[in-house]
Amino acid sequence: MAALELRGVRTKFVEKVSKAVMDQLLDYLEEERVLNTAEVEDIKEEYKQRAEKARHIIDAVLRKGDAACDTFLARFQNIDGTLYNELQLHPRPV
């Protein structure tokens, strides 16, 4: 369910997410072991353009499955609730 929801907002997320939010999300995803250190470093080093980095973050999380997507969405809601609501994502428990 979370993967389907995340996939459905991929384009809008890529268009609108800020670099600061992406950096916070990457730190959290590494901390929670959704992404490993090598994956996070690869995204940070390889993709300098904001939109390109956003695309790769979403794609990496989607490859990890529904639980990873749910973790991502819950943290995204906490970090940038305004964009989260604008994308019309379902509220997650805090």
C-alpha atoms as a PDB file:
ATOM      1  CA  MET A   1       0.000   0.000   0.000  1.00  0.00           C
ATOM      2  CA  ALA A   2       2.713   2.526   0.974  1.00  0.00           C
ATOM      3  CA  ALA A   3       4.753   1.657  -2.132  1.00  0.00           C
ATOM      4  CA  LEU A   4       1.748   2.272  -4.353  1.00  0.00           C
ATOM      5  CA  GLU A   5       1.058   5.576  -2.611  1.00  0.00           C
ATOM      6  CA  LEU A   6       4.691   6.678  -2.926  1.00  0.00           C
ATOM      7  CA  ARG A   7       4.859   5.654  -6.575  1.00  0.00           C
ATOM      8  CA  GLY A   8       1.732   7.730  -7.215  1.00  0.00           C
ATOM      9  CA  VAL A   9       3.360  10.963  -5.980  1.00  0.00           C
ATOM     10  CA  ARG A  10       6.840  10.384  -7.404  1.00  0.00           C
ATOM     11  CA  THR A  11       6.629  13.082 -10.089  1.00  0.00           C
ATOM     12  CA  LYS A  12       5.222  15.760  -7.762  1.00  0.00           C
ATOM     13  CA  PHE A  13       7.733  14.860  -5.037  1.00  0.00           C
ATOM     14  CA  VAL A  14      10.597  15.248  -7.528  1.00  0.00           C
ATOM     15  CA  GLU A  15       9.231  18.620  -8.677  1.00  0.00           C
ATOM     16  CA  LYS A  16       8.723  20.092  -5.211  1.00  0.00           C
ATOM     17  CA  VAL A  17      10.978  18.590  -2.535  1.00  0.00           C
ATOM     18  CA  SER A  18      13.802  20.769  -1.241  1.00  0.00           C
ATOM     19  CA  LYS A  19      17.446  19.774  -0.922  1.00  0.00           C
ATOM     20  CA  ALA A  20      17.289  20.264   2.860  1.00  0.00           C
ATOM     21  CA  VAL A  21      14.365  17.832   3.176  1.00  0.00           C
ATOM     22  CA  MET A  22      16.140  15.270   0.995  1.00  0.00           C
ATOM     23  CA  ASP A  23      19.282  15.489   3.124  1.00  0.00           C
ATOM     24  CA  GLN A  24      17.246  14.922   6.293  1.00  0.00           C
ATOM     25  CA  LEU A  25      15.426  11.994   4.695  1.00  0.00           C
ATOM     26  CA  LEU A  26      18.699  10.400   3.583  1.00  0.00           C
ATOM     27  CA  ASP A  27      20.168  10.724   7.070  1.00  0.00           C
ATOM     28  CA  TYR A  28      17.073   9.149   8.584  1.00  0.00           C
ATOM     29  CA  LEU A  29      16.904   6.334   6.018  1.00  0.00           C
ATOM     30  CA  GLU A  30      20.513   5.461   6.766  1.00  0.00           C
ATOM     31  CA  GLU A  31      19.927   5.677  10.517  1.00  0.00           C
ATOM     32  CA  GLU A  32      16.927   3.351  10.252  1.00  0.00           C
ATOM     33  CA  ARG A  33      18.860   1.012   7.929  1.00  0.00           C
ATOM     34  CA  VAL A  34      16.379   1.399   5.097  1.00  0.00           C
ATOM     35  CA  LEU A  35      19.364   2.390   2.944  1.00  0.00           C
ATOM     36  CA  ASN A  36      22.941   1.402   3.702  1.00  0.00           C
ATOM     37  CA  THR A  37      25.821   3.844   3.915  1.00  0.00           C
ATOM     38  CA  ALA A  38      27.053   3.035   0.406  1.00  0.00           C
ATOM     39  CA  GLU A  39      23.612   3.697  -1.087  1.00  0.00           C
ATOM     40  CA  VAL A  40      23.315   7.024   0.729  1.00  0.00           C
ATOM     41  CA  GLU A  41      26.822   8.109  -0.252  1.00  0.00           C
ATOM     42  CA  ASP A  42      26.170   7.120  -3.850  1.00  0.00           C
ATOM     43  CA  ILE A  43      23.017   9.254  -3.983  1.00  0.00           C
ATOM     44  CA  LYS A  44      24.753  12.208  -2.317  1.00  0.00           C
ATOM     45  CA  GLU A  45      27.851  12.068  -4.531  1.00  0.00           C
ATOM     46  CA  GLU A  46      26.471  10.952  -7.882  1.00  0.00           C
ATOM     47  CA  TYR A  47      23.392  13.120  -8.136  1.00  0.00           C
ATOM     48  CA  LYS A  48      24.073  16.829  -7.718  1.00  0.00           C
ATOM     49  CA  GLN A  49      20.904  18.179  -9.317  1.00  0.00           C
ATOM     50  CA  ARG A  50      18.005  18.401  -6.877  1.00  0.00           C
ATOM     51  CA  ALA A  51      15.432  16.654  -9.091  1.00  0.00           C
ATOM     52  CA  GLU A  52      17.819  13.875 -10.054  1.00  0.00           C
ATOM     53  CA  LYS A  53      18.646  13.238  -6.394  1.00  0.00           C
ATOM     54  CA  ALA A  54      14.940  13.175  -5.472  1.00  0.00           C
ATOM     55  CA  ARG A  55      14.233  10.648  -8.220  1.00  0.00           C
ATOM     56  CA  HIS A  56      16.952   8.335  -7.002  1.00  0.00           C
ATOM     57  CA  ILE A  57      15.891   8.556  -3.359  1.00  0.00           C
ATOM     58  CA  ILE A  58      12.336   7.533  -4.223  1.00  0.00           C
ATOM     59  CA  ASP A  59      13.484   4.763  -6.552  1.00  0.00           C
ATOM     60  CA  ALA A  60      15.895   3.363  -3.938  1.00  0.00           C
ATOM     61  CA  VAL A  61      13.148   3.294  -1.301  1.00  0.00           C
ATOM     62  CA  LEU A  62      10.630   1.738  -3.709  1.00  0.00           C
ATOM     63  CA  ARG A  63      13.081  -1.099  -4.448  1.00  0.00           C
ATOM     64  CA  LYS A  64      13.187  -1.888  -0.710  1.00  0.00           C
ATOM     65  CA  GLY A  65       9.466  -2.668  -0.520  1.00  0.00           C
ATOM     66  CA  ASP A  66       6.357  -1.560   1.289  1.00  0.00           C
ATOM     67  CA  ALA A  67       7.792  -1.383   4.822  1.00  0.00           C
ATOM     68  CA  ALA A  68      10.624   0.875   3.619  1.00  0.00           C
ATOM     69  CA  CYS A  69       8.111   3.085   1.814  1.00  0.00           C
ATOM     70  CA  ASP A  70       6.005   3.370   4.955  1.00  0.00           C
ATOM     71  CA  THR A  71       9.089   4.351   6.995  1.00  0.00           C
ATOM     72  CA  PHE A  72       9.992   6.942   4.362  1.00  0.00           C
ATOM     73  CA  LEU A  73       6.477   8.410   4.266  1.00  0.00           C
ATOM     74  CA  ALA A  74       6.192   8.621   8.059  1.00  0.00           C
ATOM     75  CA  ARG A  75       9.467  10.540   8.293  1.00  0.00           C
ATOM     76  CA  PHE A  76       8.616  12.723   5.292  1.00  0.00           C
ATOM     77  CA  GLN A  77       5.349  13.678   7.014  1.00  0.00           C
ATOM     78  CA  ASN A  78       7.323  14.776  10.098  1.00  0.00           C
ATOM     79  CA  ILE A  79       9.998  16.682   8.183  1.00  0.00           C
ATOM     80  CA  ASP A  80       7.813  18.529   5.663  1.00  0.00           C
ATOM     81  CA  GLY A  81       4.163  18.229   6.640  1.00  0.00           C
ATOM     82  CA  THR A  82       3.173  21.028   4.276  1.00  0.00           C
ATOM     83  CA  LEU A  83       4.455  19.250   1.161  1.00  0.00           C
ATOM     84  CA  TYR A  84       3.227  15.911   2.513  1.00  0.00           C
ATOM     85  CA  ASN A  85      -0.312  17.323   2.739  1.00  0.00           C
ATOM     86  CA  GLU A  86      -0.015  19.084  -0.616  1.00  0.00           C
ATOM     87  CA  LEU A  87       0.760  15.715  -2.203  1.00  0.00           C
ATOM     88  CA  GLN A  88      -2.440  14.425  -0.557  1.00  0.00           C
ATOM     89  CA  LEU A  89      -0.710  11.511   1.138  1.00  0.00           C
ATOM     90  CA  HIS A  90      -2.565   9.584   3.829  1.00  0.00           C
ATOM     91  CA  PRO A  91      -1.738  10.690   7.386  1.00  0.00           C
ATOM     92  CA  ARG A  92       0.590   8.388   9.278  1.00  0.00           C
ATOM     93  CA  PRO A  93       0.612   7.831  13.053  1.00  0.00           C
ATOM     94  CA  VAL A  94       3.114  10.122  14.763  1.00  0.00           C
END
